[in-house]
Amino acid sequence: MLEVEGHNLLLLDEPTDNLDLDSCEALEAALDEFEGTIVAVTHDRAFLRRLDRFLLLEADGRTRRLPDADAALAALSGTRDSGSGGR
């Protein structure tokens, strides 16, 4: 509905939280077709791997670009080997 109305930015906070598998797959299919920018906050590892750019918002307000999903997952788990590169 949002895309039909001309919106080109989606802000998603835990979009797959509390969805069953079929609903997650339907959401992911719809997002694959979306032709705008999607900003998502998620702890869902499978959903995270579908994304292509990653930012880590530090507690002190700094923002770091992460090179890939593996670096983002490492950052989520609290390990310090989360890279500093980016796309």
PDB file of N, CA and C in Angstrom:
ATOM      1  N   MET A   1       0.818  -1.182   0.000  1.00  0.00           N
ATOM      2  CA  MET A   1       0.000   0.000   0.000  1.00  0.00           C
ATOM      3  C   MET A   1       0.866   1.253   0.000  1.00  0.00           C
ATOM      4  N   LEU A   2       1.939   1.234   0.798  1.00  0.00           N
ATOM      5  CA  LEU A   2       2.799   2.409   0.873  1.00  0.00           C
ATOM      6  C   LEU A   2       3.444   2.721  -0.474  1.00  0.00           C
ATOM      7  N   GLU A   3       3.886   1.677  -1.173  1.00  0.00           N
ATOM      8  CA  GLU A   3       4.531   1.894  -2.463  1.00  0.00           C
ATOM      9  C   GLU A   3       3.524   2.439  -3.477  1.00  0.00           C
ATOM     10  N   VAL A   4       2.322   1.920  -3.459  1.00  0.00           N
ATOM     11  CA  VAL A   4       1.277   2.386  -4.376  1.00  0.00           C
ATOM     12  C   VAL A   4       1.003   3.875  -4.152  1.00  0.00           C
ATOM     13  N   GLU A   5       1.100   4.321  -2.906  1.00  0.00           N
ATOM     14  CA  GLU A   5       0.861   5.721  -2.578  1.00  0.00           C
ATOM     15  C   GLU A   5       2.066   6.608  -2.885  1.00  0.00           C
ATOM     16  N   GLY A   6       3.148   6.036  -3.400  1.00  0.00           N
ATOM     17  CA  GLY A   6       4.300   6.819  -3.813  1.00  0.00           C
ATOM     18  C   GLY A   6       5.409   6.973  -2.790  1.00  0.00           C
ATOM     19  N   HIS A   7       5.320   6.270  -1.677  1.00  0.00           N
ATOM     20  CA  HIS A   7       6.376   6.360  -0.670  1.00  0.00           C
ATOM     21  C   HIS A   7       7.610   5.597  -1.144  1.00  0.00           C
ATOM     22  N   ASN A   8       8.800   6.146  -0.843  1.00  0.00           N
ATOM     23  CA  ASN A   8      10.017   5.454  -1.274  1.00  0.00           C
ATOM     24  C   ASN A   8      10.983   5.195  -0.120  1.00  0.00           C
ATOM     25  N   LEU A   9      10.504   5.318   1.111  1.00  0.00           N
ATOM     26  CA  LEU A   9      11.316   5.029   2.287  1.00  0.00           C
ATOM     27  C   LEU A   9      10.459   4.280   3.308  1.00  0.00           C
ATOM     28  N   LEU A  10      10.966   3.131   3.735  1.00  0.00           N
ATOM     29  CA  LEU A  10      10.298   2.363   4.788  1.00  0.00           C
ATOM     30  C   LEU A  10      11.213   2.306   6.002  1.00  0.00           C
ATOM     31  N   LEU A  11      10.679   2.605   7.167  1.00  0.00           N
ATOM     32  CA  LEU A  11      11.389   2.461   8.429  1.00  0.00           C
ATOM     33  C   LEU A  11      10.758   1.272   9.148  1.00  0.00           C
ATOM     34  N   LEU A  12      11.529   0.205   9.320  1.00  0.00           N
ATOM     35  CA  LEU A  12      10.996  -1.031   9.890  1.00  0.00           C
ATOM     36  C   LEU A  12      11.710  -1.361  11.194  1.00  0.00           C
ATOM     37  N   ASP A  13      10.955  -1.517  12.255  1.00  0.00           N
ATOM     38  CA  ASP A  13      11.491  -1.884  13.560  1.00  0.00           C
ATOM     39  C   ASP A  13      11.070  -3.323  13.854  1.00  0.00           C
ATOM     40  N   GLU A  14      12.031  -4.229  13.794  1.00  0.00           N
ATOM     41  CA  GLU A  14      11.785  -5.655  14.012  1.00  0.00           C
ATOM     42  C   GLU A  14      10.611  -6.153  13.160  1.00  0.00           C
ATOM     43  N   PRO A  15      10.712  -6.028  11.835  1.00  0.00           N
ATOM     44  CA  PRO A  15       9.569  -6.339  10.971  1.00  0.00           C
ATOM     45  C   PRO A  15       9.125  -7.801  10.989  1.00  0.00           C
ATOM     46  N   THR A  16      10.013  -8.712  11.338  1.00  0.00           N
ATOM     47  CA  THR A  16       9.637 -10.127  11.329  1.00  0.00           C
ATOM     48  C   THR A  16       9.285 -10.648  12.718  1.00  0.00           C
ATOM     49  N   ASP A  17       9.351  -9.782  13.719  1.00  0.00           N
ATOM     50  CA  ASP A  17       9.047 -10.196  15.086  1.00  0.00           C
ATOM     51  C   ASP A  17       7.601 -10.685  15.184  1.00  0.00           C
ATOM     52  N   ASN A  18       7.411 -11.844  15.761  1.00  0.00           N
ATOM     53  CA  ASN A  18       6.085 -12.444  15.990  1.00  0.00           C
ATOM     54  C   ASN A  18       5.345 -12.846  14.715  1.00  0.00           C
ATOM     55  N   LEU A  19       6.067 -12.994  13.605  1.00  0.00           N
ATOM     56  CA  LEU A  19       5.434 -13.482  12.374  1.00  0.00           C
ATOM     57  C   LEU A  19       5.721 -14.965  12.220  1.00  0.00           C
ATOM     58  N   ASP A  20       4.764 -15.696  11.675  1.00  0.00           N
ATOM     59  CA  ASP A  20       5.022 -17.094  11.364  1.00  0.00           C
ATOM     60  C   ASP A  20       5.850 -17.161  10.073  1.00  0.00           C
ATOM     61  N   LEU A  21       6.313 -18.335   9.727  1.00  0.00           N
ATOM     62  CA  LEU A  21       7.203 -18.507   8.582  1.00  0.00           C
ATOM     63  C   LEU A  21       6.568 -18.015   7.286  1.00  0.00           C
ATOM     64  N   ASP A  22       5.310 -18.363   7.039  1.00  0.00           N
ATOM     65  CA  ASP A  22       4.641 -17.922   5.812  1.00  0.00           C
ATOM     66  C   ASP A  22       4.537 -16.400   5.743  1.00  0.00           C
ATOM     67  N   SER A  23       4.238 -15.771   6.855  1.00  0.00           N
ATOM     68  CA  SER A  23       4.130 -14.313   6.892  1.00  0.00           C
ATOM     69  C   SER A  23       5.493 -13.661   6.665  1.00  0.00           C
ATOM     70  N   CYS A  24       6.552 -14.233   7.251  1.00  0.00           N
ATOM     71  CA  CYS A  24       7.916 -13.723   7.025  1.00  0.00           C
ATOM     72  C   CYS A  24       8.282 -13.799   5.548  1.00  0.00           C
ATOM     73  N   GLU A  25       7.982 -14.921   4.936  1.00  0.00           N
ATOM     74  CA  GLU A  25       8.298 -15.086   3.519  1.00  0.00           C
ATOM     75  C   GLU A  25       7.507 -14.105   2.662  1.00  0.00           C
ATOM     76  N   ALA A  26       6.248 -13.865   2.992  1.00  0.00           N
ATOM     77  CA  ALA A  26       5.432 -12.906   2.247  1.00  0.00           C
ATOM     78  C   ALA A  26       5.984 -11.490   2.415  1.00  0.00           C
ATOM     79  N   LEU A  27       6.382 -11.135   3.624  1.00  0.00           N
ATOM     80  CA  LEU A  27       6.975  -9.823   3.868  1.00  0.00           C
ATOM     81  C   LEU A  27       8.263  -9.653   3.074  1.00  0.00           C
ATOM     82  N   GLU A  28       9.131 -10.655   3.122  1.00  0.00           N
ATOM     83  CA  GLU A  28      10.401 -10.583   2.399  1.00  0.00           C
ATOM     84  C   GLU A  28      10.182 -10.475   0.900  1.00  0.00           C
ATOM     85  N   ALA A  29       9.204 -11.195   0.364  1.00  0.00           N
ATOM     86  CA  ALA A  29       8.894 -11.103  -1.070  1.00  0.00           C
ATOM     87  C   ALA A  29       8.416  -9.698  -1.425  1.00  0.00           C
ATOM     88  N   ALA A  30       7.579  -9.123  -0.580  1.00  0.00           N
ATOM     89  CA  ALA A  30       7.089  -7.765  -0.834  1.00  0.00           C
ATOM     90  C   ALA A  30       8.232  -6.761  -0.756  1.00  0.00           C
ATOM     91  N   LEU A  31       9.125  -6.922   0.212  1.00  0.00           N
ATOM     92  CA  LEU A  31      10.253  -5.998   0.338  1.00  0.00           C
ATOM     93  C   LEU A  31      11.223  -6.137  -0.831  1.00  0.00           C
ATOM     94  N   ASP A  32      11.370  -7.349  -1.368  1.00  0.00           N
ATOM     95  CA  ASP A  32      12.224  -7.555  -2.547  1.00  0.00           C
ATOM     96  C   ASP A  32      11.720  -6.747  -3.735  1.00  0.00           C
ATOM     97  N   GLU A  33      10.421  -6.561  -3.826  1.00  0.00           N
ATOM     98  CA  GLU A  33       9.814  -5.822  -4.937  1.00  0.00           C
ATOM     99  C   GLU A  33       9.794  -4.308  -4.707  1.00  0.00           C
ATOM    100  N   PHE A  34      10.026  -3.885  -3.463  1.00  0.00           N
ATOM    101  CA  PHE A  34       9.975  -2.469  -3.123  1.00  0.00           C
ATOM    102  C   PHE A  34      11.134  -1.741  -3.803  1.00  0.00           C
ATOM    103  N   GLU A  35      10.852  -0.627  -4.466  1.00  0.00           N
ATOM    104  CA  GLU A  35      11.883   0.089  -5.222  1.00  0.00           C
ATOM    105  C   GLU A  35      12.374   1.339  -4.510  1.00  0.00           C
ATOM    106  N   GLY A  36      12.334   1.335  -3.210  1.00  0.00           N
ATOM    107  CA  GLY A  36      12.826   2.466  -2.444  1.00  0.00           C
ATOM    108  C   GLY A  36      13.876   2.015  -1.452  1.00  0.00           C
ATOM    109  N   THR A  37      14.093   2.835  -0.459  1.00  0.00           N
ATOM    110  CA  THR A  37      15.063   2.551   0.587  1.00  0.00           C
ATOM    111  C   THR A  37      14.341   1.958   1.787  1.00  0.00           C
ATOM    112  N   ILE A  38      14.955   0.940   2.360  1.00  0.00           N
ATOM    113  CA  ILE A  38      14.413   0.305   3.549  1.00  0.00           C
ATOM    114  C   ILE A  38      15.443   0.451   4.665  1.00  0.00           C
ATOM    115  N   VAL A  39      15.035   1.049   5.760  1.00  0.00           N
ATOM    116  CA  VAL A  39      15.864   1.123   6.952  1.00  0.00           C
ATOM    117  C   VAL A  39      15.220   0.177   7.958  1.00  0.00           C
ATOM    118  N   ALA A  40      15.967  -0.846   8.338  1.00  0.00           N
ATOM    119  CA  ALA A  40      15.396  -1.871   9.222  1.00  0.00           C
ATOM    120  C   ALA A  40      16.267  -2.067  10.451  1.00  0.00           C
ATOM    121  N   VAL A  41      15.615  -2.219  11.569  1.00  0.00           N
ATOM    122  CA  VAL A  41      16.261  -2.619  12.810  1.00  0.00           C
ATOM    123  C   VAL A  41      15.794  -4.044  13.067  1.00  0.00           C
ATOM    124  N   THR A  42      16.745  -4.971  13.198  1.00  0.00           N
ATOM    125  CA  THR A  42      16.351  -6.363  13.364  1.00  0.00           C
ATOM    126  C   THR A  42      17.401  -7.154  14.127  1.00  0.00           C
ATOM    127  N   HIS A  43      16.938  -8.178  14.803  1.00  0.00           N
ATOM    128  CA  HIS A  43      17.816  -9.168  15.400  1.00  0.00           C
ATOM    129  C   HIS A  43      17.609 -10.526  14.716  1.00  0.00           C
ATOM    130  N   ASP A  44      16.798 -10.540  13.670  1.00  0.00           N
ATOM    131  CA  ASP A  44      16.494 -11.750  12.909  1.00  0.00           C
ATOM    132  C   ASP A  44      17.653 -11.994  11.936  1.00  0.00           C
ATOM    133  N   ARG A  45      18.434 -13.008  12.222  1.00  0.00           N
ATOM    134  CA  ARG A  45      19.641 -13.274  11.433  1.00  0.00           C
ATOM    135  C   ARG A  45      19.334 -13.568   9.966  1.00  0.00           C
ATOM    136  N   ALA A  46      18.289 -14.319   9.692  1.00  0.00           N
ATOM    137  CA  ALA A  46      17.947 -14.639   8.302  1.00  0.00           C
ATOM    138  C   ALA A  46      17.520 -13.370   7.562  1.00  0.00           C
ATOM    139  N   PHE A  47      16.725 -12.540   8.197  1.00  0.00           N
ATOM    140  CA  PHE A  47      16.301 -11.285   7.582  1.00  0.00           C
ATOM    141  C   PHE A  47      17.501 -10.371   7.369  1.00  0.00           C
ATOM    142  N   LEU A  48      18.382 -10.304   8.351  1.00  0.00           N
ATOM    143  CA  LEU A  48      19.572  -9.463   8.266  1.00  0.00           C
ATOM    144  C   LEU A  48      20.431  -9.837   7.057  1.00  0.00           C
ATOM    145  N   ARG A  49      20.569 -11.114   6.791  1.00  0.00           N
ATOM    146  CA  ARG A  49      21.408 -11.564   5.670  1.00  0.00           C
ATOM    147  C   ARG A  49      20.847 -11.155   4.307  1.00  0.00           C
ATOM    148  N   ARG A  50      19.578 -10.777   4.245  1.00  0.00           N
ATOM    149  CA  ARG A  50      18.972 -10.350   2.987  1.00  0.00           C
ATOM    150  C   ARG A  50      19.276  -8.885   2.667  1.00  0.00           C
ATOM    151  N   LEU A  51      19.800  -8.149   3.652  1.00  0.00           N
ATOM    152  CA  LEU A  51      20.063  -6.730   3.478  1.00  0.00           C
ATOM    153  C   LEU A  51      21.434  -6.520   2.844  1.00  0.00           C
ATOM    154  N   ASP A  52      21.694  -5.301   2.340  1.00  0.00           N
ATOM    155  CA  ASP A  52      22.961  -5.100   1.635  1.00  0.00           C
ATOM    156  C   ASP A  52      23.862  -4.006   2.197  1.00  0.00           C
ATOM    157  N   ARG A  53      23.401  -3.245   3.172  1.00  0.00           N
ATOM    158  CA  ARG A  53      24.238  -2.231   3.813  1.00  0.00           C
ATOM    159  C   ARG A  53      23.958  -2.256   5.305  1.00  0.00           C
ATOM    160  N   PHE A  54      25.009  -2.031   6.085  1.00  0.00           N
ATOM    161  CA  PHE A  54      24.885  -2.204   7.524  1.00  0.00           C
ATOM    162  C   PHE A  54      25.548  -1.058   8.270  1.00  0.00           C
ATOM    163  N   LEU A  55      24.826  -0.508   9.234  1.00  0.00           N
ATOM    164  CA  LEU A  55      25.347   0.533  10.109  1.00  0.00           C
ATOM    165  C   LEU A  55      25.190   0.084  11.555  1.00  0.00           C
ATOM    166  N   LEU A  56      26.177   0.387  12.350  1.00  0.00           N
ATOM    167  CA  LEU A  56      26.111   0.120  13.778  1.00  0.00           C
ATOM    168  C   LEU A  56      26.029   1.466  14.480  1.00  0.00           C
ATOM    169  N   LEU A  57      24.975   1.661  15.254  1.00  0.00           N
ATOM    170  CA  LEU A  57      24.816   2.881  16.035  1.00  0.00           C
ATOM    171  C   LEU A  57      25.390   2.614  17.420  1.00  0.00           C
ATOM    172  N   GLU A  58      26.511   3.257  17.720  1.00  0.00           N
ATOM    173  CA  GLU A  58      27.201   3.048  18.994  1.00  0.00           C
ATOM    174  C   GLU A  58      26.461   3.745  20.132  1.00  0.00           C
ATOM    175  N   ALA A  59      26.675   3.296  21.348  1.00  0.00           N
ATOM    176  CA  ALA A  59      26.034   3.881  22.521  1.00  0.00           C
ATOM    177  C   ALA A  59      26.411   5.351  22.699  1.00  0.00           C
ATOM    178  N   ASP A  60      27.602   5.741  22.232  1.00  0.00           N
ATOM    179  CA  ASP A  60      28.046   7.126  22.391  1.00  0.00           C
ATOM    180  C   ASP A  60      27.578   8.031  21.241  1.00  0.00           C
ATOM    181  N   GLY A  61      26.731   7.488  20.363  1.00  0.00           N
ATOM    182  CA  GLY A  61      26.181   8.288  19.270  1.00  0.00           C
ATOM    183  C   GLY A  61      26.933   8.170  17.953  1.00  0.00           C
ATOM    184  N   ARG A  62      28.104   7.549  17.976  1.00  0.00           N
ATOM    185  CA  ARG A  62      28.846   7.354  16.727  1.00  0.00           C
ATOM    186  C   ARG A  62      28.155   6.306  15.860  1.00  0.00           C
ATOM    187  N   THR A  63      28.371   6.417  14.565  1.00  0.00           N
ATOM    188  CA  THR A  63      27.837   5.448  13.612  1.00  0.00           C
ATOM    189  C   THR A  63      29.000   4.840  12.847  1.00  0.00           C
ATOM    190  N   ARG A  64      29.005   3.515  12.731  1.00  0.00           N
ATOM    191  CA  ARG A  64      30.040   2.814  11.962  1.00  0.00           C
ATOM    192  C   ARG A  64      29.398   2.035  10.839  1.00  0.00           C
ATOM    193  N   ARG A  65      30.002   2.088   9.668  1.00  0.00           N
ATOM    194  CA  ARG A  65      29.587   1.218   8.571  1.00  0.00           C
ATOM    195  C   ARG A  65      30.235  -0.141   8.767  1.00  0.00           C
ATOM    196  N   LEU A  66      29.459  -1.179   8.505  1.00  0.00           N
ATOM    197  CA  LEU A  66      29.969  -2.539   8.594  1.00  0.00           C
ATOM    198  C   LEU A  66      29.971  -3.128   7.179  1.00  0.00           C
ATOM    199  N   PRO A  67      30.972  -3.943   6.863  1.00  0.00           N
ATOM    200  CA  PRO A  67      31.138  -4.387   5.477  1.00  0.00           C
ATOM    201  C   PRO A  67      30.112  -5.402   4.976  1.00  0.00           C
ATOM    202  N   ASP A  68      29.526  -6.187   5.896  1.00  0.00           N
ATOM    203  CA  ASP A  68      28.635  -7.247   5.433  1.00  0.00           C
ATOM    204  C   ASP A  68      27.795  -7.780   6.596  1.00  0.00           C
ATOM    205  N   ALA A  69      26.933  -8.732   6.275  1.00  0.00           N
ATOM    206  CA  ALA A  69      26.039  -9.303   7.286  1.00  0.00           C
ATOM    207  C   ALA A  69      26.817  -9.998   8.398  1.00  0.00           C
ATOM    208  N   ASP A  70      27.916 -10.660   8.064  1.00  0.00           N
ATOM    209  CA  ASP A  70      28.695 -11.342   9.100  1.00  0.00           C
ATOM    210  C   ASP A  70      29.256 -10.349  10.115  1.00  0.00           C
ATOM    211  N   ALA A  71      29.723  -9.199   9.643  1.00  0.00           N
ATOM    212  CA  ALA A  71      30.226  -8.166  10.557  1.00  0.00           C
ATOM    213  C   ALA A  71      29.082  -7.610  11.400  1.00  0.00           C
ATOM    214  N   ALA A  72      27.901  -7.463  10.806  1.00  0.00           N
ATOM    215  CA  ALA A  72      26.741  -6.980  11.556  1.00  0.00           C
ATOM    216  C   ALA A  72      26.342  -7.994  12.627  1.00  0.00           C
ATOM    217  N   LEU A  73      26.370  -9.265  12.281  1.00  0.00           N
ATOM    218  CA  LEU A  73      26.049 -10.307  13.262  1.00  0.00           C
ATOM    219  C   LEU A  73      27.076 -10.337  14.385  1.00  0.00           C
ATOM    220  N   ALA A  74      28.343 -10.152  14.047  1.00  0.00           N
ATOM    221  CA  ALA A  74      29.383 -10.104  15.074  1.00  0.00           C
ATOM    222  C   ALA A  74      29.142  -8.919  16.001  1.00  0.00           C
ATOM    223  N   ALA A  75      28.747  -7.788  15.441  1.00  0.00           N
ATOM    224  CA  ALA A  75      28.465  -6.602  16.259  1.00  0.00           C
ATOM    225  C   ALA A  75      27.271  -6.854  17.169  1.00  0.00           C
ATOM    226  N   LEU A  76      26.256  -7.532  16.658  1.00  0.00           N
ATOM    227  CA  LEU A  76      25.082  -7.842  17.476  1.00  0.00           C
ATOM    228  C   LEU A  76      25.424  -8.767  18.630  1.00  0.00           C
ATOM    229  N   SER A  77      26.353  -9.672  18.382  1.00  0.00           N
ATOM    230  CA  SER A  77      26.718 -10.627  19.432  1.00  0.00           C
ATOM    231  C   SER A  77      27.705 -10.020  20.419  1.00  0.00           C
ATOM    232  N   GLY A  78      28.174  -8.808  20.129  1.00  0.00           N
ATOM    233  CA  GLY A  78      29.054  -8.119  21.062  1.00  0.00           C
ATOM    234  C   GLY A  78      30.520  -8.366  20.843  1.00  0.00           C
ATOM    235  N   THR A  79      30.898  -9.104  19.811  1.00  0.00           N
ATOM    236  CA  THR A  79      32.315  -9.303  19.541  1.00  0.00           C
ATOM    237  C   THR A  79      32.878  -8.062  18.885  1.00  0.00           C
ATOM    238  N   ARG A  80      34.124  -7.787  19.089  1.00  0.00           N
ATOM    239  CA  ARG A  80      34.734  -6.560  18.579  1.00  0.00           C
ATOM    240  C   ARG A  80      35.240  -6.704  17.156  1.00  0.00           C
ATOM    241  N   ASP A  81      35.268  -7.892  16.576  1.00  0.00           N
ATOM    242  CA  ASP A  81      35.754  -8.080  15.211  1.00  0.00           C
ATOM    243  C   ASP A  81      34.614  -7.830  14.238  1.00  0.00           C
ATOM    244  N   SER A  82      34.061  -6.599  14.238  1.00  0.00           N
ATOM    245  CA  SER A  82      32.915  -6.303  13.392  1.00  0.00           C
ATOM    246  C   SER A  82      33.270  -5.421  12.211  1.00  0.00           C
ATOM    247  N   GLY A  83      34.552  -5.198  11.968  1.00  0.00           N
ATOM    248  CA  GLY A  83      34.971  -4.468  10.777  1.00  0.00           C
ATOM    249  C   GLY A  83      34.674  -2.993  10.862  1.00  0.00           C
ATOM    250  N   SER A  84      35.246  -2.246   9.909  1.00  0.00           N
ATOM    251  CA  SER A  84      34.971  -0.811   9.863  1.00  0.00           C
ATOM    252  C   SER A  84      34.817  -0.329   8.442  1.00  0.00           C
ATOM    253  N   GLY A  85      34.793  -1.248   7.490  1.00  0.00           N
ATOM    254  CA  GLY A  85      34.621  -0.867   6.093  1.00  0.00           C
ATOM    255  C   GLY A  85      33.159  -0.650   5.798  1.00  0.00           C
ATOM    256  N   GLY A  86      32.810  -0.598   4.521  1.00  0.00           N
ATOM    257  CA  GLY A  86      31.412  -0.439   4.188  1.00  0.00           C
ATOM    258  C   GLY A  86      31.198  -0.226   2.714  1.00  0.00           C
ATOM    259  N   ARG A  87      29.953  -0.239   2.341  1.00  0.00           N
ATOM    260  CA  ARG A  87      29.579   0.008   0.951  1.00  0.00           C
ATOM    261  C   ARG A  87      28.884   1.315   0.870  1.00  0.00           C
TER     262      ARG A  87
END
